[in-house]
C-alpha atoms as a PDB file:
ATOM      1  CA  UNK A   1      66.524  47.144 135.615  1.00  0.00           C
ATOM      2  CA  UNK A   2      67.364  43.789 137.332  1.00  0.00           C
ATOM      3  CA  UNK A   3      70.704  43.237 139.780  1.00  0.00           C
ATOM      4  CA  UNK A   4      72.095  41.488 142.885  1.00  0.00           C
ATOM      5  CA  UNK A   5      73.169  43.061 145.480  1.00  0.00           C
ATOM      6  CA  UNK A   6      72.745  43.270 148.800  1.00  0.00           C
ATOM      7  CA  UNK A   7      69.237  41.296 150.502  1.00  0.00           C
ATOM      8  CA  UNK A   8      67.882  39.456 147.313  1.00  0.00           C
ATOM      9  CA  UNK A   9      64.270  40.023 148.614  1.00  0.00           C
ATOM     10  CA  UNK A  10      62.792  41.419 144.909  1.00  0.00           C
ATOM     11  CA  UNK A  11      62.873  44.755 146.242  1.00  0.00           C
ATOM     12  CA  UNK A  12      61.843  48.004 143.731  1.00  0.00           C
ATOM     13  CA  UNK A  13      64.668  50.061 144.364  1.00  0.00           C
ATOM     14  CA  UNK A  14      65.079  54.408 142.539  1.00  0.00           C
ATOM     15  CA  UNK A  15      68.123  56.071 142.627  1.00  0.00           C
ATOM     16  CA  UNK A  16      68.654  57.343 145.907  1.00  0.00           C
ATOM     17  CA  UNK A  17      67.017  54.819 147.845  1.00  0.00           C
ATOM     18  CA  UNK A  18      69.495  52.784 150.861  1.00  0.00           C
ATOM     19  CA  UNK A  19      69.585  49.510 150.097  1.00  0.00           C
ATOM     20  CA  UNK A  20      68.132  46.845 151.888  1.00  0.00           C
ATOM     21  CA  UNK A  21      70.572  44.309 153.944  1.00  0.00           C
ATOM     22  CA  UNK A  22      68.335  42.728 156.089  1.00  0.00           C
ATOM     23  CA  UNK A  23      67.324  39.298 154.672  1.00  0.00           C
ATOM     24  CA  UNK A  24      68.127  35.734 154.474  1.00  0.00           C
ATOM     25  CA  UNK A  25      70.431  35.616 151.417  1.00  0.00           C
ATOM     26  CA  UNK A  26      72.171  38.938 150.973  1.00  0.00           C
ATOM     27  CA  UNK A  27      74.898  39.755 147.857  1.00  0.00           C
ATOM     28  CA  UNK A  28      77.923  40.009 149.389  1.00  0.00           C
ATOM     29  CA  UNK A  29      77.221  38.366 152.480  1.00  0.00           C
ATOM     30  CA  UNK A  30      78.500  40.620 154.119  1.00  0.00           C
ATOM     31  CA  UNK A  31      77.550  44.616 153.977  1.00  0.00           C
ATOM     32  CA  UNK A  32      80.761  46.504 152.744  1.00  0.00           C
ATOM     33  CA  UNK A  33      82.212  48.436 155.538  1.00  0.00           C
ATOM     34  CA  UNK A  34      81.753  51.903 153.392  1.00  0.00           C
ATOM     35  CA  UNK A  35      79.346  50.641 151.789  1.00  0.00           C
ATOM     36  CA  UNK A  36      80.541  51.073 148.440  1.00  0.00           C
ATOM     37  CA  UNK A  37      79.607  48.083 145.588  1.00  0.00           C
ATOM     38  CA  UNK A  38      79.910  48.438 141.639  1.00  0.00           C
ATOM     39  CA  UNK A  39      77.922  45.696 139.897  1.00  0.00           C
ATOM     40  CA  UNK A  40      76.697  44.612 136.802  1.00  0.00           C
ATOM     41  CA  UNK A  41      73.095  44.955 136.157  1.00  0.00           C
ATOM     42  CA  UNK A  42      70.338  44.012 133.471  1.00  0.00           C
ATOM     43  CA  UNK A  43      67.292  45.403 132.020  1.00  0.00           C
ATOM     44  CA  UNK A  44      63.693  43.984 132.437  1.00  0.00           C
ATOM     45  CA  UNK A  45      61.742  44.629 129.597  1.00  0.00           C
ATOM     46  CA  UNK A  46      58.160  45.035 130.318  1.00  0.00           C
ATOM     47  CA  UNK A  47      56.982  44.643 126.639  1.00  0.00           C
ATOM     48  CA  UNK A  48      54.302  41.794 126.820  1.00  0.00           C
ATOM     49  CA  UNK A  49      55.382  41.025 122.783  1.00  0.00           C
ATOM     50  CA  UNK A  50      59.503  40.921 123.855  1.00  0.00           C
ATOM     51  CA  UNK A  51      60.418  36.947 124.032  1.00  0.00           C
ATOM     52  CA  UNK A  52      63.137  38.283 125.678  1.00  0.00           C
ATOM     53  CA  UNK A  53      64.576  41.258 127.344  1.00  0.00           C
ATOM     54  CA  UNK A  54      67.349  41.833 124.514  1.00  0.00           C
ATOM     55  CA  UNK A  55      65.120  42.699 122.128  1.00  0.00           C
ATOM     56  CA  UNK A  56      63.782  46.153 123.820  1.00  0.00           C
ATOM     57  CA  UNK A  57      67.845  46.278 124.679  1.00  0.00           C
ATOM     58  CA  UNK A  58      70.300  44.654 121.743  1.00  0.00           C
ATOM     59  CA  UNK A  59      72.699  47.854 121.609  1.00  0.00           C
ATOM     60  CA  UNK A  60      72.908  48.035 125.608  1.00  0.00           C
ATOM     61  CA  UNK A  61      71.916  45.247 127.567  1.00  0.00           C
ATOM     62  CA  UNK A  62      74.598  45.761 131.039  1.00  0.00           C
ATOM     63  CA  UNK A  63      74.495  48.644 133.356  1.00  0.00           C
ATOM     64  CA  UNK A  64      76.929  49.657 136.433  1.00  0.00           C
ATOM     65  CA  UNK A  65      74.659  49.443 139.225  1.00  0.00           C
ATOM     66  CA  UNK A  66      76.873  52.146 141.545  1.00  0.00           C
ATOM     67  CA  UNK A  67      76.337  52.094 145.779  1.00  0.00           C
ATOM     68  CA  UNK A  68      77.934  54.547 148.010  1.00  0.00           C
ATOM     69  CA  UNK A  69      77.283  54.586 150.654  1.00  0.00           C
ATOM     70  CA  UNK A  70      75.166  52.371 151.226  1.00  0.00           C
ATOM     71  CA  UNK A  71      73.028  54.139 148.423  1.00  0.00           C
ATOM     72  CA  UNK A  72      71.726  53.705 145.491  1.00  0.00           C
ATOM     73  CA  UNK A  73      73.177  56.308 143.160  1.00  0.00           C
ATOM     74  CA  UNK A  74      73.984  55.474 139.453  1.00  0.00           C
ATOM     75  CA  UNK A  75      72.727  53.036 137.180  1.00  0.00           C
ATOM     76  CA  UNK A  76      75.707  53.566 133.977  1.00  0.00           C
ATOM     77  CA  UNK A  77      74.828  52.130 130.697  1.00  0.00           C
ATOM     78  CA  UNK A  78      78.021  50.322 129.816  1.00  0.00           C
ATOM     79  CA  UNK A  79      78.608  47.876 126.990  1.00  0.00           C
ATOM     80  CA  UNK A  80      80.440  45.560 128.750  1.00  0.00           C
ATOM     81  CA  UNK A  81      82.551  42.598 127.438  1.00  0.00           C
ATOM     82  CA  UNK A  82      80.769  39.193 126.349  1.00  0.00           C
ATOM     83  CA  UNK A  83      83.165  37.309 129.204  1.00  0.00           C
ATOM     84  CA  UNK A  84      81.817  39.551 132.030  1.00  0.00           C
ATOM     85  CA  UNK A  85      79.911  36.612 135.114  1.00  0.00           C
ATOM     86  CA  UNK A  86      75.649  37.330 135.389  1.00  0.00           C
ATOM     87  CA  UNK A  87      75.375  40.540 138.064  1.00  0.00           C
ATOM     88  CA  UNK A  88      79.112  40.180 138.270  1.00  0.00           C
ATOM     89  CA  UNK A  89      80.418  42.275 141.923  1.00  0.00           C
ATOM     90  CA  UNK A  90      83.305  44.226 139.787  1.00  0.00           C
ATOM     91  CA  UNK A  91      83.922  46.663 143.098  1.00  0.00           C
ATOM     92  CA  UNK A  92      83.756  46.862 146.659  1.00  0.00           C
ATOM     93  CA  UNK A  93      84.906  49.114 149.618  1.00  0.00           C
END
C-alpha cells in the first residue's frame, strides 16, 4: 500500500511504526503538533500478471491511512469519491 505522509523516502512502514520526518521532502512540510493525520492511500499490486494495481483490487482501491501521535495505527478500507485528490491529506492535528 502506498501513501505520502512524513518524510517521502520510500520507507516501508508497518502498523505500529513511528513516521520518519527527517528527509529532504516531508508531507505535510512540518510534522503536526499532535502528530495526527488521516490521508488517502492506495493499494499496490505485486502480482507481475497485473498491468495496474486496480486489476487485483477493483472494488476497493483507496484506503484511509490513520496516524495518531506520529504512529501508524490503522489502514481502513474505504470507497471514496473519484473527486478526491491523489494522496489527499484529509485531516491534520
